[in-house]
Amino acid sequence: MCFSFSMFLSRAVDTIRHKDTLRENQILVSAGGVFELGFFTDESTGNHFLGIWFKDDVNKKAVWVAILENRAILDSSGVLQIRDDGNLTLTGRRYDRSLKDACN
């Protein structure tokens, strides 16, 4: 896979709270400023993914990618949100899957 990271950087935050959303044009930066979490596009398929990469990597190569049931987000409609029950939800066109709390 070849990934393209053309994102509009709005404000850099390190926390997502209940009812906050992270969308295609937003990035969550780790508290230490080492990692970024956001959406990116696979150039070969046009599919969108949620991933983590090193902030200072000029190539923005993902070190972690959320691939659930081998299904990608098909366009820029991806949204990461914390639900009322505390679980993360990753949604997007033709894709809706909850990321269950691994501690439960």
PDB file of N, CA and C in Angstrom:
ATOM      1  N   MET A   1       0.822  -1.176   0.000  1.00  0.00           N
ATOM      2  CA  MET A   1       0.000   0.000   0.000  1.00  0.00           C
ATOM      3  C   MET A   1       0.871   1.245   0.000  1.00  0.00           C
ATOM      4  N   CYS A   2       0.470   2.226  -0.737  1.00  0.00           N
ATOM      5  CA  CYS A   2       1.149   3.511  -0.748  1.00  0.00           C
ATOM      6  C   CYS A   2       0.177   4.535  -0.194  1.00  0.00           C
ATOM      7  N   PHE A   3       0.589   5.254   0.819  1.00  0.00           N
ATOM      8  CA  PHE A   3      -0.317   6.162   1.503  1.00  0.00           C
ATOM      9  C   PHE A   3       0.003   7.610   1.194  1.00  0.00           C
ATOM     10  N   SER A   4      -1.027   8.394   1.059  1.00  0.00           N
ATOM     11  CA  SER A   4      -0.887   9.824   0.843  1.00  0.00           C
ATOM     12  C   SER A   4      -1.434  10.548   2.061  1.00  0.00           C
ATOM     13  N   PHE A   5      -0.696  11.493   2.556  1.00  0.00           N
ATOM     14  CA  PHE A   5      -1.116  12.230   3.739  1.00  0.00           C
ATOM     15  C   PHE A   5      -1.348  13.684   3.386  1.00  0.00           C
ATOM     16  N   SER A   6      -2.376  13.965   2.659  1.00  0.00           N
ATOM     17  CA  SER A   6      -2.702  15.350   2.350  1.00  0.00           C
ATOM     18  C   SER A   6      -3.840  15.764   3.270  1.00  0.00           C
ATOM     19  N   MET A   7      -3.471  16.361   4.380  1.00  0.00           N
ATOM     20  CA  MET A   7      -4.452  16.742   5.377  1.00  0.00           C
ATOM     21  C   MET A   7      -4.357  18.212   5.678  1.00  0.00           C
ATOM     22  N   PHE A   8      -5.468  18.812   5.941  1.00  0.00           N
ATOM     23  CA  PHE A   8      -5.504  20.188   6.404  1.00  0.00           C
ATOM     24  C   PHE A   8      -5.331  20.151   7.907  1.00  0.00           C
ATOM     25  N   LEU A   9      -4.269  20.752   8.392  1.00  0.00           N
ATOM     26  CA  LEU A   9      -4.000  20.738   9.821  1.00  0.00           C
ATOM     27  C   LEU A   9      -4.712  21.908  10.477  1.00  0.00           C
ATOM     28  N   SER A  10      -5.723  21.606  11.229  1.00  0.00           N
ATOM     29  CA  SER A  10      -6.400  22.669  11.948  1.00  0.00           C
ATOM     30  C   SER A  10      -5.665  22.884  13.253  1.00  0.00           C
ATOM     31  N   ARG A  11      -6.220  22.482  14.343  1.00  0.00           N
ATOM     32  CA  ARG A  11      -5.535  22.653  15.617  1.00  0.00           C
ATOM     33  C   ARG A  11      -5.024  21.311  16.101  1.00  0.00           C
ATOM     34  N   ALA A  12      -3.844  21.320  16.684  1.00  0.00           N
ATOM     35  CA  ALA A  12      -3.253  20.082  17.195  1.00  0.00           C
ATOM     36  C   ALA A  12      -3.650  19.919  18.652  1.00  0.00           C
ATOM     37  N   VAL A  13      -4.342  18.840  18.951  1.00  0.00           N
ATOM     38  CA  VAL A  13      -4.741  18.532  20.321  1.00  0.00           C
ATOM     39  C   VAL A  13      -4.250  17.139  20.660  1.00  0.00           C
ATOM     40  N   ASP A  14      -4.165  16.834  21.964  1.00  0.00           N
ATOM     41  CA  ASP A  14      -3.700  15.509  22.361  1.00  0.00           C
ATOM     42  C   ASP A  14      -4.768  14.712  23.078  1.00  0.00           C
ATOM     43  N   THR A  15      -5.999  15.210  23.095  1.00  0.00           N
ATOM     44  CA  THR A  15      -7.069  14.527  23.810  1.00  0.00           C
ATOM     45  C   THR A  15      -8.359  14.579  22.995  1.00  0.00           C
ATOM     46  N   ILE A  16      -9.053  13.463  22.980  1.00  0.00           N
ATOM     47  CA  ILE A  16     -10.400  13.439  22.423  1.00  0.00           C
ATOM     48  C   ILE A  16     -11.323  13.055  23.573  1.00  0.00           C
ATOM     49  N   ARG A  17     -12.366  13.831  23.755  1.00  0.00           N
ATOM     50  CA  ARG A  17     -13.282  13.646  24.879  1.00  0.00           C
ATOM     51  C   ARG A  17     -14.641  13.173  24.380  1.00  0.00           C
ATOM     52  N   HIS A  18     -15.464  12.754  25.323  1.00  0.00           N
ATOM     53  CA  HIS A  18     -16.818  12.317  25.030  1.00  0.00           C
ATOM     54  C   HIS A  18     -17.506  13.338  24.128  1.00  0.00           C
ATOM     55  N   LYS A  19     -18.089  12.854  23.074  1.00  0.00           N
ATOM     56  CA  LYS A  19     -18.827  13.621  22.071  1.00  0.00           C
ATOM     57  C   LYS A  19     -17.943  14.473  21.167  1.00  0.00           C
ATOM     58  N   ASP A  20     -16.612  14.514  21.388  1.00  0.00           N
ATOM     59  CA  ASP A  20     -15.713  15.135  20.419  1.00  0.00           C
ATOM     60  C   ASP A  20     -15.615  14.211  19.212  1.00  0.00           C
ATOM     61  N   THR A  21     -15.260  14.752  18.083  1.00  0.00           N
ATOM     62  CA  THR A  21     -15.043  13.934  16.891  1.00  0.00           C
ATOM     63  C   THR A  21     -13.681  14.255  16.300  1.00  0.00           C
ATOM     64  N   LEU A  22     -13.117  13.281  15.638  1.00  0.00           N
ATOM     65  CA  LEU A  22     -11.903  13.459  14.853  1.00  0.00           C
ATOM     66  C   LEU A  22     -12.293  13.112  13.425  1.00  0.00           C
ATOM     67  N   ARG A  23     -12.137  14.065  12.523  1.00  0.00           N
ATOM     68  CA  ARG A  23     -12.551  13.886  11.136  1.00  0.00           C
ATOM     69  C   ARG A  23     -11.345  13.920  10.199  1.00  0.00           C
ATOM     70  N   GLU A  24     -11.616  13.738   8.934  1.00  0.00           N
ATOM     71  CA  GLU A  24     -10.588  13.623   7.892  1.00  0.00           C
ATOM     72  C   GLU A  24      -9.545  14.739   7.938  1.00  0.00           C
ATOM     73  N   ASN A  25      -9.920  15.928   8.227  1.00  0.00           N
ATOM     74  CA  ASN A  25      -8.979  17.054   8.179  1.00  0.00           C
ATOM     75  C   ASN A  25      -8.393  17.405   9.546  1.00  0.00           C
ATOM     76  N   GLN A  26      -8.498  16.506  10.514  1.00  0.00           N
ATOM     77  CA  GLN A  26      -8.010  16.774  11.863  1.00  0.00           C
ATOM     78  C   GLN A  26      -7.000  15.713  12.292  1.00  0.00           C
ATOM     79  N   ILE A  27      -6.081  16.121  13.160  1.00  0.00           N
ATOM     80  CA  ILE A  27      -5.053  15.219  13.665  1.00  0.00           C
ATOM     81  C   ILE A  27      -4.981  15.339  15.176  1.00  0.00           C
ATOM     82  N   LEU A  28      -4.834  14.215  15.828  1.00  0.00           N
ATOM     83  CA  LEU A  28      -4.613  14.160  17.270  1.00  0.00           C
ATOM     84  C   LEU A  28      -3.118  13.917  17.467  1.00  0.00           C
ATOM     85  N   VAL A  29      -2.444  14.793  18.204  1.00  0.00           N
ATOM     86  CA  VAL A  29      -0.999  14.680  18.431  1.00  0.00           C
ATOM     87  C   VAL A  29      -0.776  14.159  19.841  1.00  0.00           C
ATOM     88  N   SER A  30       0.139  13.196  19.995  1.00  0.00           N
ATOM     89  CA  SER A  30       0.422  12.646  21.322  1.00  0.00           C
ATOM     90  C   SER A  30       0.934  13.752  22.240  1.00  0.00           C
ATOM     91  N   ALA A  31       0.726  13.577  23.544  1.00  0.00           N
ATOM     92  CA  ALA A  31       1.104  14.592  24.529  1.00  0.00           C
ATOM     93  C   ALA A  31       2.578  14.964  24.421  1.00  0.00           C
ATOM     94  N   GLY A  32       3.435  14.002  24.105  1.00  0.00           N
ATOM     95  CA  GLY A  32       4.858  14.270  23.956  1.00  0.00           C
ATOM     96  C   GLY A  32       5.245  14.796  22.588  1.00  0.00           C
ATOM     97  N   GLY A  33       4.287  14.874  21.679  1.00  0.00           N
ATOM     98  CA  GLY A  33       4.549  15.374  20.342  1.00  0.00           C
ATOM     99  C   GLY A  33       5.274  14.411  19.427  1.00  0.00           C
ATOM    100  N   VAL A  34       5.286  13.121  19.774  1.00  0.00           N
ATOM    101  CA  VAL A  34       6.022  12.125  18.981  1.00  0.00           C
ATOM    102  C   VAL A  34       5.148  11.520  17.883  1.00  0.00           C
ATOM    103  N   PHE A  35       3.871  11.254  18.178  1.00  0.00           N
ATOM    104  CA  PHE A  35       2.977  10.569  17.247  1.00  0.00           C
ATOM    105  C   PHE A  35       1.812  11.463  16.837  1.00  0.00           C
ATOM    106  N   GLU A  36       1.241  11.146  15.668  1.00  0.00           N
ATOM    107  CA  GLU A  36       0.004  11.760  15.214  1.00  0.00           C
ATOM    108  C   GLU A  36      -0.980  10.656  14.866  1.00  0.00           C
ATOM    109  N   LEU A  37      -2.251  10.892  15.155  1.00  0.00           N
ATOM    110  CA  LEU A  37      -3.336   9.983  14.798  1.00  0.00           C
ATOM    111  C   LEU A  37      -4.280  10.756  13.891  1.00  0.00           C
ATOM    112  N   GLY A  38      -4.638  10.143  12.778  1.00  0.00           N
ATOM    113  CA  GLY A  38      -5.554  10.807  11.861  1.00  0.00           C
ATOM    114  C   GLY A  38      -5.933   9.890  10.719  1.00  0.00           C
ATOM    115  N   PHE A  39      -6.687  10.426   9.800  1.00  0.00           N
ATOM    116  CA  PHE A  39      -7.115   9.674   8.622  1.00  0.00           C
ATOM    117  C   PHE A  39      -6.140   9.936   7.479  1.00  0.00           C
ATOM    118  N   PHE A  40      -5.935   8.916   6.647  1.00  0.00           N
ATOM    119  CA  PHE A  40      -5.094   9.052   5.469  1.00  0.00           C
ATOM    120  C   PHE A  40      -5.693   8.223   4.347  1.00  0.00           C
ATOM    121  N   THR A  41      -5.199   8.456   3.144  1.00  0.00           N
ATOM    122  CA  THR A  41      -5.723   7.803   1.946  1.00  0.00           C
ATOM    123  C   THR A  41      -4.686   6.882   1.332  1.00  0.00           C
ATOM    124  N   ASP A  42      -5.099   5.669   0.984  1.00  0.00           N
ATOM    125  CA  ASP A  42      -4.263   4.735   0.232  1.00  0.00           C
ATOM    126  C   ASP A  42      -4.347   5.162  -1.232  1.00  0.00           C
ATOM    127  N   GLU A  43      -3.232   5.617  -1.779  1.00  0.00           N
ATOM    128  CA  GLU A  43      -3.231   6.127  -3.159  1.00  0.00           C
ATOM    129  C   GLU A  43      -3.655   5.095  -4.185  1.00  0.00           C
ATOM    130  N   SER A  44      -3.367   3.824  -3.945  1.00  0.00           N
ATOM    131  CA  SER A  44      -3.678   2.805  -4.953  1.00  0.00           C
ATOM    132  C   SER A  44      -5.164   2.458  -5.015  1.00  0.00           C
ATOM    133  N   THR A  45      -5.884   2.604  -3.893  1.00  0.00           N
ATOM    134  CA  THR A  45      -7.305   2.249  -3.881  1.00  0.00           C
ATOM    135  C   THR A  45      -8.229   3.442  -3.664  1.00  0.00           C
ATOM    136  N   GLY A  46      -7.693   4.516  -3.121  1.00  0.00           N
ATOM    137  CA  GLY A  46      -8.523   5.663  -2.772  1.00  0.00           C
ATOM    138  C   GLY A  46      -9.250   5.482  -1.460  1.00  0.00           C
ATOM    139  N   ASN A  47      -9.082   4.320  -0.814  1.00  0.00           N
ATOM    140  CA  ASN A  47      -9.727   4.076   0.479  1.00  0.00           C
ATOM    141  C   ASN A  47      -9.054   4.889   1.574  1.00  0.00           C
ATOM    142  N   HIS A  48      -9.821   5.176   2.612  1.00  0.00           N
ATOM    143  CA  HIS A  48      -9.338   5.970   3.724  1.00  0.00           C
ATOM    144  C   HIS A  48      -9.214   5.088   4.962  1.00  0.00           C
ATOM    145  N   PHE A  49      -8.208   5.381   5.774  1.00  0.00           N
ATOM    146  CA  PHE A  49      -7.943   4.608   6.987  1.00  0.00           C
ATOM    147  C   PHE A  49      -7.626   5.548   8.137  1.00  0.00           C
ATOM    148  N   LEU A  50      -7.812   5.042   9.345  1.00  0.00           N
ATOM    149  CA  LEU A  50      -7.360   5.735  10.542  1.00  0.00           C
ATOM    150  C   LEU A  50      -6.019   5.131  10.906  1.00  0.00           C
ATOM    151  N   GLY A  51      -5.022   5.957  11.180  1.00  0.00           N
ATOM    152  CA  GLY A  51      -3.704   5.430  11.486  1.00  0.00           C
ATOM    153  C   GLY A  51      -2.903   6.317  12.409  1.00  0.00           C
ATOM    154  N   ILE A  52      -1.753   5.792  12.825  1.00  0.00           N
ATOM    155  CA  ILE A  52      -0.796   6.518  13.658  1.00  0.00           C
ATOM    156  C   ILE A  52       0.549   6.498  12.941  1.00  0.00           C
ATOM    157  N   TRP A  53       1.238   7.632  12.957  1.00  0.00           N
ATOM    158  CA  TRP A  53       2.561   7.749  12.363  1.00  0.00           C
ATOM    159  C   TRP A  53       3.411   8.668  13.229  1.00  0.00           C
ATOM    160  N   PHE A  54       4.744   8.606  13.027  1.00  0.00           N
ATOM    161  CA  PHE A  54       5.646   9.512  13.736  1.00  0.00           C
ATOM    162  C   PHE A  54       5.454  10.922  13.192  1.00  0.00           C
ATOM    163  N   LYS A  55       5.295  11.883  14.083  1.00  0.00           N
ATOM    164  CA  LYS A  55       5.048  13.272  13.687  1.00  0.00           C
ATOM    165  C   LYS A  55       6.160  13.826  12.807  1.00  0.00           C
ATOM    166  N   ASP A  56       7.414  13.491  13.111  1.00  0.00           N
ATOM    167  CA  ASP A  56       8.544  14.053  12.383  1.00  0.00           C
ATOM    168  C   ASP A  56       8.934  13.270  11.130  1.00  0.00           C
ATOM    169  N   ASP A  57       8.226  12.202  10.807  1.00  0.00           N
ATOM    170  CA  ASP A  57       8.528  11.413   9.606  1.00  0.00           C
ATOM    171  C   ASP A  57       8.023  12.170   8.378  1.00  0.00           C
ATOM    172  N   VAL A  58       8.942  12.605   7.526  1.00  0.00           N
ATOM    173  CA  VAL A  58       8.553  13.377   6.348  1.00  0.00           C
ATOM    174  C   VAL A  58       7.670  12.571   5.398  1.00  0.00           C
ATOM    175  N   ASN A  59       7.800  11.235   5.411  1.00  0.00           N
ATOM    176  CA  ASN A  59       6.977  10.380   4.556  1.00  0.00           C
ATOM    177  C   ASN A  59       5.655   9.997   5.199  1.00  0.00           C
ATOM    178  N   LYS A  60       5.504  10.280   6.490  1.00  0.00           N
ATOM    179  CA  LYS A  60       4.273   9.972   7.235  1.00  0.00           C
ATOM    180  C   LYS A  60       3.855   8.514   7.067  1.00  0.00           C
ATOM    181  N   LYS A  61       4.819   7.605   7.162  1.00  0.00           N
ATOM    182  CA  LYS A  61       4.537   6.173   7.037  1.00  0.00           C
ATOM    183  C   LYS A  61       3.816   5.690   8.295  1.00  0.00           C
ATOM    184  N   ALA A  62       2.655   5.087   8.114  1.00  0.00           N
ATOM    185  CA  ALA A  62       1.851   4.622   9.242  1.00  0.00           C
ATOM    186  C   ALA A  62       2.555   3.496   9.989  1.00  0.00           C
ATOM    187  N   VAL A  63       2.556   3.591  11.323  1.00  0.00           N
ATOM    188  CA  VAL A  63       3.098   2.519  12.162  1.00  0.00           C
ATOM    189  C   VAL A  63       1.974   1.685  12.761  1.00  0.00           C
ATOM    190  N   TRP A  64       0.740   2.162  12.653  1.00  0.00           N
ATOM    191  CA  TRP A  64      -0.451   1.431  13.088  1.00  0.00           C
ATOM    192  C   TRP A  64      -1.612   1.883  12.216  1.00  0.00           C
ATOM    193  N   VAL A  65      -2.415   0.928  11.761  1.00  0.00           N
ATOM    194  CA  VAL A  65      -3.580   1.226  10.924  1.00  0.00           C
ATOM    195  C   VAL A  65      -4.777   0.463  11.451  1.00  0.00           C
ATOM    196  N   ALA A  66      -5.907   1.150  11.589  1.00  0.00           N
ATOM    197  CA  ALA A  66      -7.150   0.510  12.021  1.00  0.00           C
ATOM    198  C   ALA A  66      -7.788  -0.159  10.807  1.00  0.00           C
ATOM    199  N   ILE A  67      -7.623  -1.469  10.707  1.00  0.00           N
ATOM    200  CA  ILE A  67      -8.255  -2.245   9.631  1.00  0.00           C
ATOM    201  C   ILE A  67      -9.135  -3.276  10.321  1.00  0.00           C
ATOM    202  N   LEU A  68     -10.412  -3.055  10.263  1.00  0.00           N
ATOM    203  CA  LEU A  68     -11.355  -3.935  10.939  1.00  0.00           C
ATOM    204  C   LEU A  68     -12.120  -4.740   9.913  1.00  0.00           C
ATOM    205  N   GLU A  69     -12.062  -6.041  10.054  1.00  0.00           N
ATOM    206  CA  GLU A  69     -12.764  -6.940   9.143  1.00  0.00           C
ATOM    207  C   GLU A  69     -12.380  -6.668   7.692  1.00  0.00           C
ATOM    208  N   ASN A  70     -11.127  -6.248   7.479  1.00  0.00           N
ATOM    209  CA  ASN A  70     -10.612  -5.969   6.137  1.00  0.00           C
ATOM    210  C   ASN A  70     -11.484  -5.003   5.341  1.00  0.00           C
ATOM    211  N   ARG A  71     -12.099  -4.060   6.034  1.00  0.00           N
ATOM    212  CA  ARG A  71     -12.952  -3.085   5.358  1.00  0.00           C
ATOM    213  C   ARG A  71     -12.414  -1.686   5.600  1.00  0.00           C
ATOM    214  N   ALA A  72     -12.333  -0.909   4.567  1.00  0.00           N
ATOM    215  CA  ALA A  72     -11.828   0.460   4.649  1.00  0.00           C
ATOM    216  C   ALA A  72     -12.977   1.447   4.597  1.00  0.00           C
ATOM    217  N   ILE A  73     -12.678   2.671   4.965  1.00  0.00           N
ATOM    218  CA  ILE A  73     -13.622   3.772   4.783  1.00  0.00           C
ATOM    219  C   ILE A  73     -13.499   4.190   3.328  1.00  0.00           C
ATOM    220  N   LEU A  74     -14.604   4.284   2.644  1.00  0.00           N
ATOM    221  CA  LEU A  74     -14.578   4.448   1.193  1.00  0.00           C
ATOM    222  C   LEU A  74     -14.346   5.872   0.710  1.00  0.00           C
ATOM    223  N   ASP A  75     -14.484   6.850   1.595  1.00  0.00           N
ATOM    224  CA  ASP A  75     -14.307   8.246   1.191  1.00  0.00           C
ATOM    225  C   ASP A  75     -13.879   9.063   2.402  1.00  0.00           C
ATOM    226  N   SER A  76     -13.998  10.364   2.321  1.00  0.00           N
ATOM    227  CA  SER A  76     -13.549  11.232   3.413  1.00  0.00           C
ATOM    228  C   SER A  76     -14.582  11.394   4.518  1.00  0.00           C
ATOM    229  N   SER A  77     -15.535  10.480   4.616  1.00  0.00           N
ATOM    230  CA  SER A  77     -16.602  10.577   5.617  1.00  0.00           C
ATOM    231  C   SER A  77     -16.219   9.981   6.974  1.00  0.00           C
ATOM    232  N   GLY A  78     -14.983   9.533   7.145  1.00  0.00           N
ATOM    233  CA  GLY A  78     -14.559   8.888   8.383  1.00  0.00           C
ATOM    234  C   GLY A  78     -14.642   9.796   9.597  1.00  0.00           C
ATOM    235  N   VAL A  79     -15.122   9.216  10.712  1.00  0.00           N
ATOM    236  CA  VAL A  79     -15.231   9.954  11.974  1.00  0.00           C
ATOM    237  C   VAL A  79     -14.856   9.011  13.114  1.00  0.00           C
ATOM    238  N   LEU A  80     -13.990   9.472  14.005  1.00  0.00           N
ATOM    239  CA  LEU A  80     -13.662   8.772  15.237  1.00  0.00           C
ATOM    240  C   LEU A  80     -14.331   9.533  16.368  1.00  0.00           C
ATOM    241  N   GLN A  81     -15.055   8.802  17.232  1.00  0.00           N
ATOM    242  CA  GLN A  81     -15.779   9.455  18.325  1.00  0.00           C
ATOM    243  C   GLN A  81     -15.832   8.530  19.531  1.00  0.00           C
ATOM    244  N   ILE A  82     -15.914   9.125  20.719  1.00  0.00           N
ATOM    245  CA  ILE A  82     -16.133   8.352  21.943  1.00  0.00           C
ATOM    246  C   ILE A  82     -17.631   8.332  22.215  1.00  0.00           C
ATOM    247  N   ARG A  83     -18.189   7.127  22.304  1.00  0.00           N
ATOM    248  CA  ARG A  83     -19.629   6.972  22.535  1.00  0.00           C
ATOM    249  C   ARG A  83     -19.980   7.235  23.992  1.00  0.00           C
ATOM    250  N   ASP A  84     -21.271   7.300  24.274  1.00  0.00           N
ATOM    251  CA  ASP A  84     -21.759   7.511  25.640  1.00  0.00           C
ATOM    252  C   ASP A  84     -21.275   6.433  26.598  1.00  0.00           C
ATOM    253  N   ASP A  85     -21.081   5.195  26.091  1.00  0.00           N
ATOM    254  CA  ASP A  85     -20.642   4.101  26.962  1.00  0.00           C
ATOM    255  C   ASP A  85     -19.119   4.047  27.115  1.00  0.00           C
ATOM    256  N   GLY A  86     -18.392   5.021  26.527  1.00  0.00           N
ATOM    257  CA  GLY A  86     -16.941   5.095  26.671  1.00  0.00           C
ATOM    258  C   GLY A  86     -16.154   4.390  25.590  1.00  0.00           C
ATOM    259  N   ASN A  87     -16.805   3.668  24.697  1.00  0.00           N
ATOM    260  CA  ASN A  87     -16.121   2.974  23.613  1.00  0.00           C
ATOM    261  C   ASN A  87     -15.855   3.922  22.449  1.00  0.00           C
ATOM    262  N   LEU A  88     -14.743   3.673  21.752  1.00  0.00           N
ATOM    263  CA  LEU A  88     -14.447   4.419  20.537  1.00  0.00           C
ATOM    264  C   LEU A  88     -15.280   3.858  19.401  1.00  0.00           C
ATOM    265  N   THR A  89     -15.755   4.742  18.534  1.00  0.00           N
ATOM    266  CA  THR A  89     -16.484   4.318  17.349  1.00  0.00           C
ATOM    267  C   THR A  89     -15.834   4.946  16.127  1.00  0.00           C
ATOM    268  N   LEU A  90     -15.548   4.124  15.148  1.00  0.00           N
ATOM    269  CA  LEU A  90     -15.004   4.572  13.881  1.00  0.00           C
ATOM    270  C   LEU A  90     -16.084   4.353  12.838  1.00  0.00           C
ATOM    271  N   THR A  91     -16.557   5.433  12.251  1.00  0.00           N
ATOM    272  CA  THR A  91     -17.634   5.329  11.268  1.00  0.00           C
ATOM    273  C   THR A  91     -17.215   5.978   9.958  1.00  0.00           C
ATOM    274  N   GLY A  92     -17.893   5.594   8.918  1.00  0.00           N
ATOM    275  CA  GLY A  92     -17.667   6.159   7.602  1.00  0.00           C
ATOM    276  C   GLY A  92     -18.614   5.501   6.617  1.00  0.00           C
ATOM    277  N   ARG A  93     -18.710   6.038   5.427  1.00  0.00           N
ATOM    278  CA  ARG A  93     -19.623   5.513   4.415  1.00  0.00           C
ATOM    279  C   ARG A  93     -19.364   4.027   4.180  1.00  0.00           C
ATOM    280  N   ARG A  94     -20.425   3.235   4.296  1.00  0.00           N
ATOM    281  CA  ARG A  94     -20.403   1.779   4.124  1.00  0.00           C
ATOM    282  C   ARG A  94     -19.545   1.069   5.158  1.00  0.00           C
ATOM    283  N   TYR A  95     -19.291   1.737   6.248  1.00  0.00           N
ATOM    284  CA  TYR A  95     -18.444   1.120   7.269  1.00  0.00           C
ATOM    285  C   TYR A  95     -18.831   1.663   8.625  1.00  0.00           C
ATOM    286  N   ASP A  96     -19.141   0.777   9.554  1.00  0.00           N
ATOM    287  CA  ASP A  96     -19.477   1.185  10.909  1.00  0.00           C
ATOM    288  C   ASP A  96     -19.103   0.048  11.831  1.00  0.00           C
ATOM    289  N   ARG A  97     -18.124   0.300  12.657  1.00  0.00           N
ATOM    290  CA  ARG A  97     -17.613  -0.759  13.517  1.00  0.00           C
ATOM    291  C   ARG A  97     -17.128  -0.137  14.816  1.00  0.00           C
ATOM    292  N   SER A  98     -17.519  -0.689  15.942  1.00  0.00           N
ATOM    293  CA  SER A  98     -17.064  -0.191  17.226  1.00  0.00           C
ATOM    294  C   SER A  98     -15.757  -0.855  17.626  1.00  0.00           C
ATOM    295  N   LEU A  99     -14.891  -0.071  18.186  1.00  0.00           N
ATOM    296  CA  LEU A  99     -13.638  -0.583  18.739  1.00  0.00           C
ATOM    297  C   LEU A  99     -13.865  -0.786  20.223  1.00  0.00           C
ATOM    298  N   LYS A 100     -14.061  -2.009  20.635  1.00  0.00           N
ATOM    299  CA  LYS A 100     -14.377  -2.297  22.032  1.00  0.00           C
ATOM    300  C   LYS A 100     -13.179  -2.066  22.933  1.00  0.00           C
ATOM    301  N   ASP A 101     -13.448  -1.633  24.143  1.00  0.00           N
ATOM    302  CA  ASP A 101     -12.412  -1.395  25.134  1.00  0.00           C
ATOM    303  C   ASP A 101     -11.707  -2.719  25.424  1.00  0.00           C
ATOM    304  N   ALA A 102     -10.418  -2.777  25.132  1.00  0.00           N
ATOM    305  CA  ALA A 102      -9.649  -4.020  25.312  1.00  0.00           C
ATOM    306  C   ALA A 102      -9.494  -4.401  26.768  1.00  0.00           C
ATOM    307  N   CYS A 103      -9.762  -3.474  27.672  1.00  0.00           N
ATOM    308  CA  CYS A 103      -9.589  -3.746  29.109  1.00  0.00           C
ATOM    309  C   CYS A 103     -10.780  -4.493  29.707  1.00  0.00           C
ATOM    310  N   ASN A 104     -11.888  -4.537  29.003  1.00  0.00           N
ATOM    311  CA  ASN A 104     -13.083  -5.214  29.540  1.00  0.00           C
ATOM    312  C   ASN A 104     -13.017  -6.702  29.324  1.00  0.00           C
TER     313      ASN A 104
END
